[in-house]
Amino acid sequence: MRVAEARESRYSCSVQHNEVESGESSASGVVAVHDELVRLVRQLVAGDGPPAGSPTFAQHSLLSYIARNPGCRATQISESFGVHRSTVSRQLRVCIDEGWVRAEAGPLRSGHPLTLTDAGVAVLAGADARRVEEVRDRMASWSDRDIAAFADHLRRFRHGGDDPSRRPSTFGSNGDDTRA
């Protein structure tokens, strides 16, 4: 059994509601979608672990954010990700120690401006390429039509349905590209 499969069985999601909506069992539509989304997020976050010298999911998220927002500070990342600053600081410390991120001189109170180093740009590009290849491998037997439909369904779900007036812009209020 692969590590991810072992984690999935250990952290099995099956939402533990008796009856979510009138007559809806845990195996039905919306609950099944919820359960699969939870499993997917857990797999993305825990996964099999990155290859040596590659960023974890959390570190990859930091590197991506810094690449899109050069000069940002840890407090901005914390606010954007909705996590405590200490969480960002722990992950950021590893990225700095690995030589992927440079913390520029700046007033301590407002935090140091962050930028990717050349090594950070390279490790991010490598991690992106591996992740795209993993998706390509998982969809190898899918038709182009199935892939396009899946992307469309995910996009619709992320934007909250079919009503275009409810769709957020591609850029969040913090300037972060929400397409990632």
N, C-alpha and C. Protein backbone atom coordinates (compact mmCIF):
# COMPACT_ATOMS: atom_id res chain seq x y z
N MET A 1 0.85 -1.18 0.00
CA MET A 1 0.00 0.00 0.00
C MET A 1 0.90 1.24 0.00
N ARG A 2 0.59 2.19 -0.89
CA ARG A 2 1.35 3.43 -0.96
C ARG A 2 1.10 4.25 0.30
N VAL A 3 2.04 5.15 0.60
CA VAL A 3 1.92 5.99 1.78
C VAL A 3 0.64 6.82 1.73
N ALA A 4 0.34 7.41 0.57
CA ALA A 4 -0.87 8.23 0.45
C ALA A 4 -2.12 7.40 0.69
N GLU A 5 -2.15 6.16 0.20
CA GLU A 5 -3.31 5.30 0.42
C GLU A 5 -3.45 4.94 1.89
N ALA A 6 -2.32 4.70 2.55
CA ALA A 6 -2.35 4.38 3.97
C ALA A 6 -2.89 5.57 4.76
N ARG A 7 -2.42 6.78 4.40
CA ARG A 7 -2.93 7.97 5.08
C ARG A 7 -4.42 8.14 4.82
N GLU A 8 -4.84 7.89 3.58
CA GLU A 8 -6.26 8.06 3.24
C GLU A 8 -7.12 7.12 4.07
N SER A 9 -6.69 5.88 4.23
CA SER A 9 -7.50 4.95 5.00
C SER A 9 -7.47 5.32 6.48
N ARG A 10 -6.34 5.82 6.94
CA ARG A 10 -6.23 6.21 8.34
C ARG A 10 -7.07 7.45 8.63
N TYR A 11 -7.14 8.36 7.66
CA TYR A 11 -7.89 9.60 7.82
C TYR A 11 -9.15 9.58 6.98
N SER A 12 -9.76 8.42 6.87
CA SER A 12 -10.96 8.27 6.05
C SER A 12 -11.95 9.36 6.39
N CYS A 13 -12.56 9.89 5.37
CA CYS A 13 -13.40 11.06 5.54
C CYS A 13 -14.84 10.72 5.86
N SER A 14 -15.40 9.75 5.18
CA SER A 14 -16.84 9.51 5.28
C SER A 14 -17.47 10.39 6.33
N VAL A 15 -18.05 11.46 5.85
CA VAL A 15 -18.63 12.44 6.73
C VAL A 15 -19.56 11.72 7.69
N GLN A 16 -19.42 12.06 8.93
CA GLN A 16 -20.14 11.30 9.93
C GLN A 16 -21.42 12.02 10.33
N HIS A 17 -22.28 12.14 9.32
CA HIS A 17 -23.60 12.66 9.60
C HIS A 17 -24.58 11.51 9.42
N ASN A 18 -25.59 11.56 10.19
CA ASN A 18 -26.61 10.53 10.03
C ASN A 18 -27.42 10.83 8.79
N GLU A 19 -28.10 11.92 8.76
CA GLU A 19 -28.87 12.33 7.60
C GLU A 19 -28.56 13.80 7.40
N VAL A 20 -27.87 14.14 6.31
CA VAL A 20 -27.49 15.52 6.07
C VAL A 20 -28.70 16.34 5.68
N GLU A 21 -29.37 15.91 4.66
CA GLU A 21 -30.60 16.55 4.23
C GLU A 21 -31.65 15.45 4.20
N SER A 22 -32.87 15.83 4.04
CA SER A 22 -33.92 14.83 4.10
C SER A 22 -33.61 13.66 3.18
N GLY A 23 -33.36 12.52 3.78
CA GLY A 23 -33.14 11.29 3.04
C GLY A 23 -31.78 11.16 2.38
N GLU A 24 -30.85 12.07 2.60
CA GLU A 24 -29.55 11.98 1.93
C GLU A 24 -28.59 11.17 2.79
N SER A 25 -28.15 10.04 2.28
CA SER A 25 -27.22 9.21 3.03
C SER A 25 -25.79 9.65 2.73
N SER A 26 -24.83 9.18 3.52
CA SER A 26 -23.44 9.58 3.35
C SER A 26 -22.86 9.12 2.01
N ALA A 27 -23.52 8.21 1.32
CA ALA A 27 -23.02 7.73 0.03
C ALA A 27 -23.60 8.50 -1.15
N SER A 28 -24.48 9.45 -0.89
CA SER A 28 -25.15 10.13 -2.00
C SER A 28 -24.39 11.35 -2.47
N GLY A 29 -24.84 11.91 -3.58
CA GLY A 29 -24.29 13.03 -4.31
C GLY A 29 -23.42 14.04 -3.59
N VAL A 30 -24.04 14.99 -2.93
CA VAL A 30 -23.31 16.12 -2.36
C VAL A 30 -22.34 15.64 -1.29
N VAL A 31 -22.75 14.72 -0.46
CA VAL A 31 -21.88 14.22 0.59
C VAL A 31 -20.70 13.46 -0.03
N ALA A 32 -20.95 12.70 -1.09
CA ALA A 32 -19.86 11.99 -1.77
C ALA A 32 -18.86 12.98 -2.36
N VAL A 33 -19.34 14.08 -2.96
CA VAL A 33 -18.45 15.11 -3.49
C VAL A 33 -17.62 15.71 -2.35
N HIS A 34 -18.29 16.03 -1.25
CA HIS A 34 -17.58 16.58 -0.09
C HIS A 34 -16.47 15.63 0.37
N ASP A 35 -16.83 14.36 0.52
CA ASP A 35 -15.85 13.38 0.99
C ASP A 35 -14.65 13.29 0.05
N GLU A 36 -14.91 13.30 -1.25
CA GLU A 36 -13.80 13.22 -2.22
C GLU A 36 -12.94 14.47 -2.18
N LEU A 37 -13.56 15.63 -1.99
CA LEU A 37 -12.78 16.86 -1.87
C LEU A 37 -11.89 16.83 -0.63
N VAL A 38 -12.41 16.36 0.48
CA VAL A 38 -11.61 16.26 1.70
C VAL A 38 -10.44 15.31 1.47
N ARG A 39 -10.71 14.17 0.86
CA ARG A 39 -9.63 13.21 0.58
C ARG A 39 -8.58 13.82 -0.34
N LEU A 40 -9.02 14.57 -1.35
CA LEU A 40 -8.10 15.19 -2.28
C LEU A 40 -7.21 16.21 -1.58
N VAL A 41 -7.80 17.05 -0.75
CA VAL A 41 -7.02 18.06 -0.03
C VAL A 41 -6.02 17.38 0.90
N ARG A 42 -6.45 16.36 1.60
CA ARG A 42 -5.52 15.64 2.49
C ARG A 42 -4.39 15.02 1.70
N GLN A 43 -4.70 14.47 0.54
CA GLN A 43 -3.66 13.86 -0.30
C GLN A 43 -2.70 14.93 -0.79
N LEU A 44 -3.20 16.09 -1.18
CA LEU A 44 -2.34 17.16 -1.65
C LEU A 44 -1.43 17.66 -0.53
N VAL A 45 -1.99 17.81 0.66
CA VAL A 45 -1.23 18.34 1.77
C VAL A 45 -0.27 17.31 2.34
N ALA A 46 -0.72 16.09 2.59
CA ALA A 46 0.11 15.06 3.19
C ALA A 46 0.90 14.30 2.13
N GLY A 47 0.21 13.87 1.11
CA GLY A 47 0.83 13.17 -0.02
C GLY A 47 1.89 12.16 0.36
N ASP A 48 2.71 11.82 -0.61
CA ASP A 48 3.81 10.90 -0.38
C ASP A 48 5.05 11.64 0.07
N GLY A 49 4.99 12.94 0.14
CA GLY A 49 6.15 13.73 0.48
C GLY A 49 6.93 14.04 -0.79
N PRO A 50 7.56 15.20 -0.81
CA PRO A 50 8.28 15.60 -2.02
C PRO A 50 9.62 14.88 -2.14
N PRO A 51 10.14 14.81 -3.35
CA PRO A 51 11.49 14.25 -3.50
C PRO A 51 12.49 15.12 -2.74
N ALA A 52 13.63 14.55 -2.38
CA ALA A 52 14.66 15.29 -1.66
C ALA A 52 15.01 16.57 -2.43
N GLY A 53 15.13 17.66 -1.70
CA GLY A 53 15.48 18.93 -2.31
C GLY A 53 14.31 19.66 -2.94
N SER A 54 13.09 19.13 -2.76
CA SER A 54 11.90 19.75 -3.31
C SER A 54 11.04 20.29 -2.17
N PRO A 55 10.24 21.30 -2.46
CA PRO A 55 9.40 21.87 -1.41
C PRO A 55 8.20 20.99 -1.08
N THR A 56 7.76 21.07 0.16
CA THR A 56 6.51 20.43 0.57
C THR A 56 5.37 21.23 -0.05
N PHE A 57 4.14 20.76 0.11
CA PHE A 57 2.97 21.48 -0.40
C PHE A 57 2.92 22.88 0.21
N ALA A 58 3.14 23.01 1.51
CA ALA A 58 3.09 24.32 2.18
C ALA A 58 4.21 25.23 1.67
N GLN A 59 5.41 24.69 1.53
CA GLN A 59 6.53 25.48 1.03
C GLN A 59 6.30 25.89 -0.42
N HIS A 60 5.75 24.98 -1.21
CA HIS A 60 5.44 25.29 -2.61
C HIS A 60 4.44 26.45 -2.67
N SER A 61 3.45 26.43 -1.79
CA SER A 61 2.47 27.51 -1.73
C SER A 61 3.15 28.84 -1.41
N LEU A 62 4.07 28.83 -0.45
CA LEU A 62 4.82 30.04 -0.11
C LEU A 62 5.64 30.54 -1.30
N LEU A 63 6.39 29.63 -1.92
CA LEU A 63 7.23 30.01 -3.06
C LEU A 63 6.39 30.60 -4.19
N SER A 64 5.25 29.98 -4.46
CA SER A 64 4.36 30.47 -5.52
C SER A 64 3.85 31.87 -5.19
N TYR A 65 3.46 32.08 -3.95
CA TYR A 65 2.95 33.38 -3.54
C TYR A 65 4.04 34.45 -3.68
N ILE A 66 5.24 34.14 -3.20
CA ILE A 66 6.35 35.09 -3.28
C ILE A 66 6.71 35.37 -4.73
N ALA A 67 6.68 34.35 -5.58
CA ALA A 67 6.98 34.55 -7.01
C ALA A 67 5.99 35.52 -7.64
N ARG A 68 4.71 35.42 -7.25
CA ARG A 68 3.67 36.29 -7.80
C ARG A 68 3.63 37.66 -7.12
N ASN A 69 4.23 37.75 -5.93
CA ASN A 69 4.17 38.99 -5.15
C ASN A 69 5.55 39.34 -4.59
N PRO A 70 6.55 39.57 -5.46
CA PRO A 70 7.90 39.86 -4.96
C PRO A 70 7.88 41.07 -4.03
N GLY A 71 8.63 40.97 -2.94
CA GLY A 71 8.67 42.05 -1.97
C GLY A 71 7.61 41.94 -0.89
N CYS A 72 6.77 40.89 -0.98
CA CYS A 72 5.74 40.71 0.06
C CYS A 72 6.41 40.39 1.39
N ARG A 73 5.63 40.45 2.42
CA ARG A 73 6.13 40.17 3.77
C ARG A 73 5.36 38.99 4.36
N ALA A 74 5.92 38.38 5.38
CA ALA A 74 5.29 37.20 6.00
C ALA A 74 3.89 37.52 6.50
N THR A 75 3.67 38.74 6.99
CA THR A 75 2.33 39.10 7.47
C THR A 75 1.31 39.09 6.34
N GLN A 76 1.73 39.52 5.15
CA GLN A 76 0.83 39.49 4.00
C GLN A 76 0.48 38.05 3.63
N ILE A 77 1.49 37.18 3.66
CA ILE A 77 1.25 35.77 3.34
C ILE A 77 0.30 35.17 4.38
N SER A 78 0.54 35.46 5.63
CA SER A 78 -0.31 34.97 6.72
C SER A 78 -1.77 35.39 6.51
N GLU A 79 -1.97 36.64 6.18
CA GLU A 79 -3.33 37.15 5.95
C GLU A 79 -3.95 36.50 4.72
N SER A 80 -3.18 36.37 3.66
CA SER A 80 -3.69 35.79 2.42
C SER A 80 -4.07 34.33 2.58
N PHE A 81 -3.25 33.57 3.30
CA PHE A 81 -3.48 32.14 3.49
C PHE A 81 -4.45 31.85 4.63
N GLY A 82 -4.70 32.86 5.47
CA GLY A 82 -5.60 32.66 6.60
C GLY A 82 -5.02 31.77 7.68
N VAL A 83 -3.70 31.86 7.87
CA VAL A 83 -3.04 31.08 8.91
C VAL A 83 -2.25 32.02 9.82
N HIS A 84 -1.91 31.54 10.99
CA HIS A 84 -1.14 32.33 11.94
C HIS A 84 0.25 32.63 11.39
N ARG A 85 0.78 33.77 11.74
CA ARG A 85 2.09 34.17 11.23
C ARG A 85 3.18 33.17 11.62
N SER A 86 3.06 32.55 12.79
CA SER A 86 4.08 31.58 13.21
C SER A 86 4.13 30.38 12.25
N THR A 87 2.99 30.02 11.70
CA THR A 87 2.95 28.92 10.73
C THR A 87 3.73 29.31 9.48
N VAL A 88 3.50 30.53 9.00
CA VAL A 88 4.23 31.03 7.83
C VAL A 88 5.71 31.11 8.17
N SER A 89 6.04 31.61 9.34
CA SER A 89 7.44 31.78 9.73
C SER A 89 8.20 30.46 9.74
N ARG A 90 7.55 29.40 10.24
CA ARG A 90 8.22 28.08 10.27
C ARG A 90 8.54 27.60 8.86
N GLN A 91 7.57 27.69 7.97
CA GLN A 91 7.78 27.25 6.59
C GLN A 91 8.78 28.16 5.88
N LEU A 92 8.68 29.44 6.15
CA LEU A 92 9.57 30.42 5.53
C LEU A 92 11.01 30.20 5.97
N ARG A 93 11.21 29.85 7.24
CA ARG A 93 12.56 29.60 7.76
C ARG A 93 13.22 28.48 6.96
N VAL A 94 12.49 27.41 6.68
CA VAL A 94 13.04 26.30 5.89
C VAL A 94 13.39 26.78 4.49
N CYS A 95 12.50 27.57 3.88
CA CYS A 95 12.74 28.08 2.52
C CYS A 95 13.97 28.97 2.48
N ILE A 96 14.18 29.76 3.51
CA ILE A 96 15.37 30.61 3.59
C ILE A 96 16.61 29.75 3.80
N ASP A 97 16.52 28.79 4.72
CA ASP A 97 17.66 27.90 5.00
C ASP A 97 18.05 27.08 3.77
N GLU A 98 17.07 26.71 2.96
CA GLU A 98 17.34 25.94 1.73
C GLU A 98 17.93 26.83 0.63
N GLY A 99 17.87 28.14 0.84
CA GLY A 99 18.39 29.07 -0.15
C GLY A 99 17.40 29.40 -1.25
N TRP A 100 16.11 29.17 -1.01
CA TRP A 100 15.07 29.41 -2.01
C TRP A 100 14.50 30.82 -1.91
N VAL A 101 14.56 31.39 -0.71
CA VAL A 101 13.97 32.71 -0.46
C VAL A 101 15.03 33.59 0.21
N ARG A 102 14.99 34.86 -0.18
CA ARG A 102 15.87 35.86 0.44
C ARG A 102 14.97 36.87 1.15
N ALA A 103 15.32 37.14 2.41
CA ALA A 103 14.63 38.17 3.19
C ALA A 103 15.50 39.42 3.12
N GLU A 104 15.01 40.44 2.45
CA GLU A 104 15.75 41.68 2.26
C GLU A 104 15.76 42.47 3.57
N ALA A 105 16.69 43.40 3.65
CA ALA A 105 16.73 44.29 4.81
C ALA A 105 15.48 45.15 4.80
N GLY A 106 14.96 45.40 5.97
CA GLY A 106 13.76 46.23 6.08
C GLY A 106 13.43 46.39 7.54
N PRO A 107 12.51 47.28 7.83
CA PRO A 107 12.12 47.49 9.23
C PRO A 107 11.53 46.21 9.82
N LEU A 108 12.06 45.81 10.95
CA LEU A 108 11.62 44.57 11.59
C LEU A 108 10.13 44.59 11.89
N ARG A 109 9.60 45.72 12.29
CA ARG A 109 8.20 45.81 12.68
C ARG A 109 7.27 45.43 11.53
N SER A 110 7.59 45.85 10.32
CA SER A 110 6.71 45.54 9.20
C SER A 110 7.12 44.26 8.48
N GLY A 111 8.23 43.66 8.90
CA GLY A 111 8.69 42.43 8.28
C GLY A 111 9.62 42.70 7.12
N HIS A 112 10.37 41.70 6.76
CA HIS A 112 11.35 41.83 5.70
C HIS A 112 10.72 41.51 4.35
N PRO A 113 11.02 42.33 3.34
CA PRO A 113 10.52 42.01 2.00
C PRO A 113 11.14 40.69 1.52
N LEU A 114 10.32 39.85 0.93
CA LEU A 114 10.75 38.51 0.52
C LEU A 114 10.82 38.41 -1.00
N THR A 115 11.85 37.76 -1.48
CA THR A 115 11.99 37.47 -2.91
C THR A 115 12.54 36.07 -3.07
N LEU A 116 12.30 35.49 -4.24
CA LEU A 116 12.88 34.18 -4.54
C LEU A 116 14.31 34.38 -5.02
N THR A 117 15.16 33.47 -4.64
CA THR A 117 16.52 33.44 -5.17
C THR A 117 16.48 32.70 -6.51
N ASP A 118 17.59 32.67 -7.22
CA ASP A 118 17.64 31.88 -8.46
C ASP A 118 17.34 30.41 -8.16
N ALA A 119 17.86 29.93 -7.03
CA ALA A 119 17.58 28.54 -6.64
C ALA A 119 16.10 28.35 -6.35
N GLY A 120 15.47 29.34 -5.75
CA GLY A 120 14.03 29.28 -5.47
C GLY A 120 13.21 29.25 -6.74
N VAL A 121 13.60 30.06 -7.72
CA VAL A 121 12.90 30.06 -9.01
C VAL A 121 13.02 28.69 -9.65
N ALA A 122 14.22 28.11 -9.59
CA ALA A 122 14.45 26.80 -10.21
C ALA A 122 13.69 25.69 -9.49
N VAL A 123 13.69 25.69 -8.15
CA VAL A 123 13.00 24.63 -7.42
C VAL A 123 11.50 24.74 -7.60
N LEU A 124 10.99 25.97 -7.70
CA LEU A 124 9.55 26.17 -7.94
C LEU A 124 9.18 25.66 -9.33
N ALA A 125 9.98 25.99 -10.32
CA ALA A 125 9.71 25.53 -11.69
C ALA A 125 9.73 24.00 -11.74
N GLY A 126 10.70 23.37 -11.06
CA GLY A 126 10.78 21.91 -11.03
C GLY A 126 9.58 21.29 -10.34
N ALA A 127 9.16 21.89 -9.23
CA ALA A 127 8.00 21.37 -8.49
C ALA A 127 6.73 21.53 -9.32
N ASP A 128 6.59 22.68 -9.99
CA ASP A 128 5.42 22.88 -10.86
C ASP A 128 5.39 21.83 -11.97
N ALA A 129 6.53 21.60 -12.58
CA ALA A 129 6.60 20.62 -13.68
C ALA A 129 6.24 19.22 -13.18
N ARG A 130 6.73 18.83 -12.01
CA ARG A 130 6.40 17.51 -11.45
C ARG A 130 4.91 17.39 -11.15
N ARG A 131 4.31 18.44 -10.63
CA ARG A 131 2.89 18.40 -10.29
C ARG A 131 2.03 18.31 -11.54
N VAL A 132 2.41 19.05 -12.58
CA VAL A 132 1.67 18.97 -13.84
C VAL A 132 1.82 17.58 -14.43
N GLU A 133 3.01 17.02 -14.35
CA GLU A 133 3.23 15.67 -14.88
C GLU A 133 2.42 14.64 -14.10
N GLU A 134 2.30 14.81 -12.80
CA GLU A 134 1.48 13.89 -12.00
C GLU A 134 0.03 13.96 -12.44
N VAL A 135 -0.49 15.16 -12.68
CA VAL A 135 -1.87 15.30 -13.15
C VAL A 135 -2.00 14.66 -14.53
N ARG A 136 -1.02 14.91 -15.40
CA ARG A 136 -1.04 14.32 -16.75
C ARG A 136 -1.07 12.79 -16.66
N ASP A 137 -0.28 12.22 -15.77
CA ASP A 137 -0.25 10.76 -15.60
C ASP A 137 -1.60 10.23 -15.13
N ARG A 138 -2.21 10.93 -14.19
CA ARG A 138 -3.50 10.48 -13.66
C ARG A 138 -4.61 10.56 -14.71
N MET A 139 -4.43 11.44 -15.69
CA MET A 139 -5.47 11.65 -16.70
C MET A 139 -5.08 11.06 -18.05
N ALA A 140 -4.07 10.22 -18.06
CA ALA A 140 -3.55 9.67 -19.31
C ALA A 140 -4.63 8.95 -20.13
N SER A 141 -5.54 8.29 -19.48
CA SER A 141 -6.57 7.53 -20.20
C SER A 141 -7.83 8.37 -20.48
N TRP A 142 -7.84 9.62 -20.06
CA TRP A 142 -9.00 10.48 -20.25
C TRP A 142 -8.96 11.10 -21.65
N SER A 143 -10.12 11.33 -22.21
CA SER A 143 -10.19 12.02 -23.50
C SER A 143 -9.99 13.52 -23.26
N ASP A 144 -9.63 14.23 -24.32
CA ASP A 144 -9.51 15.69 -24.23
C ASP A 144 -10.82 16.30 -23.77
N ARG A 145 -11.91 15.74 -24.24
CA ARG A 145 -13.25 16.24 -23.87
C ARG A 145 -13.50 16.04 -22.37
N ASP A 146 -13.12 14.87 -21.84
CA ASP A 146 -13.28 14.61 -20.41
C ASP A 146 -12.44 15.58 -19.58
N ILE A 147 -11.22 15.82 -20.02
CA ILE A 147 -10.32 16.72 -19.29
C ILE A 147 -10.89 18.14 -19.30
N ALA A 148 -11.36 18.61 -20.45
CA ALA A 148 -11.93 19.95 -20.55
C ALA A 148 -13.18 20.07 -19.67
N ALA A 149 -14.01 19.03 -19.67
CA ALA A 149 -15.24 19.06 -18.86
C ALA A 149 -14.89 19.07 -17.36
N PHE A 150 -13.90 18.28 -16.97
CA PHE A 150 -13.48 18.24 -15.57
C PHE A 150 -12.96 19.61 -15.14
N ALA A 151 -12.12 20.23 -15.96
CA ALA A 151 -11.61 21.57 -15.64
C ALA A 151 -12.76 22.57 -15.51
N ASP A 152 -13.72 22.46 -16.42
CA ASP A 152 -14.88 23.36 -16.36
C ASP A 152 -15.69 23.14 -15.09
N HIS A 153 -15.92 21.89 -14.74
CA HIS A 153 -16.69 21.58 -13.52
C HIS A 153 -15.96 22.10 -12.28
N LEU A 154 -14.64 21.91 -12.23
CA LEU A 154 -13.87 22.41 -11.08
C LEU A 154 -13.95 23.93 -11.01
N ARG A 155 -13.82 24.59 -12.14
CA ARG A 155 -13.91 26.05 -12.19
C ARG A 155 -15.28 26.52 -11.72
N ARG A 156 -16.33 25.88 -12.22
CA ARG A 156 -17.69 26.24 -11.80
C ARG A 156 -17.86 26.04 -10.30
N PHE A 157 -17.37 24.94 -9.78
CA PHE A 157 -17.49 24.65 -8.36
C PHE A 157 -16.74 25.71 -7.55
N ARG A 158 -15.53 26.03 -7.97
CA ARG A 158 -14.71 27.00 -7.24
C ARG A 158 -15.36 28.37 -7.23
N HIS A 159 -16.07 28.71 -8.29
CA HIS A 159 -16.71 30.01 -8.39
C HIS A 159 -18.12 30.03 -7.81
N GLY A 160 -18.60 28.92 -7.32
CA GLY A 160 -19.88 28.92 -6.63
C GLY A 160 -21.09 28.66 -7.49
N GLY A 161 -20.94 27.98 -8.61
CA GLY A 161 -22.10 27.64 -9.42
C GLY A 161 -22.04 28.24 -10.80
N ASP A 162 -23.20 28.40 -11.40
CA ASP A 162 -23.28 28.85 -12.79
C ASP A 162 -23.54 30.33 -12.95
N ASP A 163 -23.91 31.02 -11.90
CA ASP A 163 -24.27 32.43 -12.00
C ASP A 163 -23.02 33.29 -12.17
N PRO A 164 -22.78 33.86 -13.37
CA PRO A 164 -21.57 34.65 -13.61
C PRO A 164 -21.45 35.85 -12.68
N SER A 165 -22.55 36.39 -12.18
CA SER A 165 -22.48 37.55 -11.29
C SER A 165 -21.90 37.17 -9.93
N ARG A 166 -21.91 35.86 -9.59
CA ARG A 166 -21.36 35.40 -8.31
C ARG A 166 -19.90 35.02 -8.43
N ARG A 167 -19.35 35.02 -9.64
CA ARG A 167 -17.97 34.59 -9.84
C ARG A 167 -17.02 35.70 -9.42
N PRO A 168 -16.03 35.35 -8.58
CA PRO A 168 -15.05 36.36 -8.19
C PRO A 168 -14.12 36.65 -9.36
N SER A 169 -13.44 37.78 -9.30
CA SER A 169 -12.46 38.07 -10.34
C SER A 169 -11.33 37.07 -10.21
N THR A 170 -10.47 37.03 -11.20
CA THR A 170 -9.36 36.09 -11.19
C THR A 170 -8.36 36.46 -10.10
N PHE A 171 -8.35 37.71 -9.67
CA PHE A 171 -7.43 38.14 -8.63
C PHE A 171 -8.21 38.45 -7.38
N GLY A 172 -7.76 37.89 -6.27
CA GLY A 172 -8.42 38.10 -5.00
C GLY A 172 -8.21 39.52 -4.50
N SER A 173 -8.86 39.85 -3.41
CA SER A 173 -8.76 41.20 -2.87
C SER A 173 -7.36 41.53 -2.41
N ASN A 174 -6.54 40.50 -2.15
CA ASN A 174 -5.17 40.73 -1.71
C ASN A 174 -4.19 40.77 -2.87
N GLY A 175 -4.67 40.72 -4.11
CA GLY A 175 -3.80 40.75 -5.28
C GLY A 175 -3.26 39.39 -5.65
N ASP A 176 -3.62 38.37 -4.88
CA ASP A 176 -3.13 37.03 -5.15
C ASP A 176 -3.91 36.43 -6.31
N ASP A 177 -3.21 35.82 -7.21
CA ASP A 177 -3.85 35.18 -8.36
C ASP A 177 -4.57 33.95 -7.84
N THR A 178 -5.90 33.98 -7.88
CA THR A 178 -6.70 32.89 -7.33
C THR A 178 -6.83 31.72 -8.27
N ARG A 179 -6.21 31.81 -9.45
CA ARG A 179 -6.28 30.69 -10.40
C ARG A 179 -5.43 29.53 -9.95
N ALA A 180 -4.48 29.75 -9.05
CA ALA A 180 -3.57 28.67 -8.62
C ALA A 180 -4.22 27.78 -7.62
